[in-house]
Amino acid sequence: MAQNKLKNSGGNKKIGRNKVKCALYKSLKKREKNKIKKIQKHLRGHQNDLQSLQALLKLKDFITGK
């Protein structure tokens, strides 16, 4: 019974609660930009992390549209 309740619950999700703000968040690509900042912060302490560097380059390409 508890499993059915967990499957059907929406949880505390940001997307969808406020359609206007969510559309703006998505159109400005805020999530991707925040992810880039987080990876850059990580790379300051771990310069040899090639996996993070590849993810960073992929995100930058996504934002610039290449």
N, C-alpha and C. Protein backbone atom coordinates (compact mmCIF):
# COMPACT_ATOMS: atom_id res chain seq x y z
N MET A 1 0.82 -1.20 0.00
CA MET A 1 0.00 0.00 0.00
C MET A 1 0.86 1.26 0.00
N ALA A 2 1.93 1.24 0.78
CA ALA A 2 2.79 2.41 0.85
C ALA A 2 3.51 2.65 -0.46
N GLN A 3 3.84 1.57 -1.17
CA GLN A 3 4.54 1.72 -2.44
C GLN A 3 3.67 2.42 -3.47
N ASN A 4 2.39 2.12 -3.50
CA ASN A 4 1.50 2.78 -4.44
C ASN A 4 1.43 4.28 -4.18
N LYS A 5 1.42 4.64 -2.91
CA LYS A 5 1.37 6.06 -2.55
C LYS A 5 2.63 6.78 -3.02
N LEU A 6 3.78 6.13 -2.85
CA LEU A 6 5.04 6.75 -3.28
C LEU A 6 5.10 6.90 -4.80
N LYS A 7 4.59 5.93 -5.53
CA LYS A 7 4.63 6.00 -7.00
C LYS A 7 3.76 7.13 -7.53
N ASN A 8 2.62 7.36 -6.88
CA ASN A 8 1.68 8.33 -7.39
C ASN A 8 1.94 9.75 -6.91
N SER A 9 2.74 9.90 -5.87
CA SER A 9 2.96 11.24 -5.34
C SER A 9 3.90 12.02 -6.25
N GLY A 10 3.65 13.30 -6.39
CA GLY A 10 4.48 14.14 -7.24
C GLY A 10 5.72 14.63 -6.53
N GLY A 11 5.68 14.66 -5.22
CA GLY A 11 6.84 15.11 -4.47
C GLY A 11 6.93 16.63 -4.46
N ASN A 12 8.05 17.12 -4.06
CA ASN A 12 8.29 18.55 -3.95
C ASN A 12 9.12 18.99 -5.15
N LYS A 13 8.48 19.14 -6.27
CA LYS A 13 9.19 19.48 -7.50
C LYS A 13 9.01 20.96 -7.82
N LYS A 14 10.09 21.54 -8.31
CA LYS A 14 10.05 22.96 -8.66
C LYS A 14 9.32 23.18 -9.99
N ILE A 15 9.61 22.31 -10.95
CA ILE A 15 9.04 22.48 -12.28
C ILE A 15 7.54 22.20 -12.24
N GLY A 16 6.75 23.13 -12.74
CA GLY A 16 5.31 22.94 -12.85
C GLY A 16 4.49 23.67 -11.82
N ARG A 17 5.09 24.08 -10.71
CA ARG A 17 4.30 24.77 -9.69
C ARG A 17 3.93 26.17 -10.14
N ASN A 18 4.85 26.83 -10.81
CA ASN A 18 4.60 28.18 -11.29
C ASN A 18 5.02 28.22 -12.75
N LYS A 19 4.05 28.11 -13.63
CA LYS A 19 4.32 27.93 -15.06
C LYS A 19 5.15 29.07 -15.66
N VAL A 20 4.87 30.31 -15.25
CA VAL A 20 5.58 31.45 -15.82
C VAL A 20 7.04 31.43 -15.41
N LYS A 21 7.29 31.24 -14.11
CA LYS A 21 8.68 31.22 -13.63
C LYS A 21 9.43 30.02 -14.19
N CYS A 22 8.76 28.89 -14.30
CA CYS A 22 9.41 27.69 -14.83
C CYS A 22 9.78 27.87 -16.30
N ALA A 23 8.90 28.51 -17.06
CA ALA A 23 9.19 28.76 -18.47
C ALA A 23 10.39 29.69 -18.61
N LEU A 24 10.47 30.69 -17.76
CA LEU A 24 11.61 31.62 -17.78
C LEU A 24 12.89 30.90 -17.39
N TYR A 25 12.83 30.05 -16.37
CA TYR A 25 13.97 29.26 -15.90
C TYR A 25 14.51 28.39 -17.03
N LYS A 26 13.59 27.77 -17.76
CA LYS A 26 13.99 26.89 -18.85
C LYS A 26 14.53 27.68 -20.04
N SER A 27 13.90 28.80 -20.36
CA SER A 27 14.32 29.56 -21.54
C SER A 27 15.69 30.22 -21.33
N LEU A 28 16.01 30.58 -20.10
CA LEU A 28 17.30 31.19 -19.81
C LEU A 28 18.41 30.16 -19.59
N LYS A 29 18.03 28.86 -19.63
CA LYS A 29 18.97 27.75 -19.43
C LYS A 29 19.72 27.89 -18.10
N LYS A 30 18.97 28.26 -17.06
CA LYS A 30 19.55 28.48 -15.74
C LYS A 30 20.16 27.20 -15.17
N ARG A 31 19.47 26.06 -15.36
CA ARG A 31 19.96 24.82 -14.79
C ARG A 31 21.34 24.48 -15.34
N GLU A 32 21.50 24.64 -16.64
CA GLU A 32 22.77 24.34 -17.27
C GLU A 32 23.86 25.30 -16.80
N LYS A 33 23.51 26.57 -16.68
CA LYS A 33 24.50 27.56 -16.23
C LYS A 33 24.92 27.30 -14.79
N ASN A 34 23.96 26.92 -13.94
CA ASN A 34 24.30 26.59 -12.56
C ASN A 34 25.18 25.36 -12.49
N LYS A 35 24.91 24.39 -13.36
CA LYS A 35 25.71 23.17 -13.41
C LYS A 35 27.14 23.49 -13.83
N ILE A 36 27.30 24.41 -14.78
CA ILE A 36 28.64 24.82 -15.22
C ILE A 36 29.41 25.44 -14.06
N LYS A 37 28.76 26.32 -13.30
CA LYS A 37 29.43 26.94 -12.16
C LYS A 37 29.85 25.90 -11.13
N LYS A 38 28.98 24.91 -10.89
CA LYS A 38 29.27 23.86 -9.92
C LYS A 38 30.46 23.02 -10.37
N ILE A 39 30.52 22.69 -11.66
CA ILE A 39 31.63 21.89 -12.18
C ILE A 39 32.93 22.69 -12.14
N GLN A 40 32.86 23.98 -12.47
CA GLN A 40 34.06 24.82 -12.42
C GLN A 40 34.61 24.89 -10.99
N LYS A 41 33.72 24.99 -10.02
CA LYS A 41 34.14 25.02 -8.62
C LYS A 41 34.80 23.69 -8.25
N HIS A 42 34.24 22.59 -8.73
CA HIS A 42 34.81 21.27 -8.46
C HIS A 42 36.20 21.15 -9.09
N LEU A 43 36.35 21.66 -10.31
CA LEU A 43 37.62 21.52 -11.02
C LEU A 43 38.74 22.37 -10.40
N ARG A 44 38.39 23.40 -9.63
CA ARG A 44 39.43 24.17 -8.95
C ARG A 44 40.20 23.30 -7.97
N GLY A 45 39.52 22.36 -7.36
CA GLY A 45 40.18 21.47 -6.41
C GLY A 45 40.63 20.16 -6.99
N HIS A 46 40.11 19.79 -8.15
CA HIS A 46 40.43 18.51 -8.78
C HIS A 46 40.75 18.75 -10.25
N GLN A 47 41.93 19.27 -10.53
CA GLN A 47 42.29 19.64 -11.90
C GLN A 47 42.41 18.44 -12.82
N ASN A 48 42.68 17.26 -12.28
CA ASN A 48 42.92 16.08 -13.12
C ASN A 48 41.65 15.28 -13.39
N ASP A 49 40.51 15.79 -13.03
CA ASP A 49 39.24 15.08 -13.22
C ASP A 49 38.76 15.27 -14.66
N LEU A 50 39.12 14.34 -15.52
CA LEU A 50 38.80 14.47 -16.94
C LEU A 50 37.31 14.29 -17.22
N GLN A 51 36.63 13.47 -16.43
CA GLN A 51 35.20 13.26 -16.63
C GLN A 51 34.42 14.55 -16.42
N SER A 52 34.77 15.29 -15.38
CA SER A 52 34.10 16.57 -15.13
C SER A 52 34.43 17.58 -16.21
N LEU A 53 35.65 17.56 -16.69
CA LEU A 53 36.05 18.47 -17.76
C LEU A 53 35.25 18.20 -19.03
N GLN A 54 35.05 16.93 -19.35
CA GLN A 54 34.25 16.58 -20.53
C GLN A 54 32.80 17.02 -20.36
N ALA A 55 32.25 16.85 -19.16
CA ALA A 55 30.88 17.29 -18.90
C ALA A 55 30.76 18.80 -19.03
N LEU A 56 31.77 19.51 -18.57
CA LEU A 56 31.78 20.97 -18.67
C LEU A 56 31.79 21.41 -20.12
N LEU A 57 32.62 20.80 -20.92
CA LEU A 57 32.70 21.16 -22.34
C LEU A 57 31.40 20.84 -23.06
N LYS A 58 30.76 19.73 -22.70
CA LYS A 58 29.50 19.35 -23.33
C LYS A 58 28.40 20.35 -22.98
N LEU A 59 28.38 20.81 -21.72
CA LEU A 59 27.38 21.80 -21.30
C LEU A 59 27.61 23.14 -21.99
N LYS A 60 28.86 23.54 -22.10
CA LYS A 60 29.16 24.81 -22.76
C LYS A 60 28.75 24.76 -24.23
N ASP A 61 28.97 23.62 -24.88
CA ASP A 61 28.55 23.46 -26.27
C ASP A 61 27.03 23.52 -26.38
N PHE A 62 26.34 22.94 -25.40
CA PHE A 62 24.88 22.94 -25.40
C PHE A 62 24.34 24.36 -25.29
N ILE A 63 24.94 25.17 -24.43
CA ILE A 63 24.45 26.54 -24.23
C ILE A 63 24.76 27.41 -25.44
N THR A 64 25.94 27.25 -26.03
CA THR A 64 26.30 28.08 -27.18
C THR A 64 25.63 27.60 -28.45
N GLY A 65 25.15 26.36 -28.47
CA GLY A 65 24.43 25.87 -29.64
C GLY A 65 25.29 25.24 -30.68
N LYS A 66 26.47 24.79 -30.33
CA LYS A 66 27.37 24.15 -31.30
C LYS A 66 27.00 22.72 -31.51
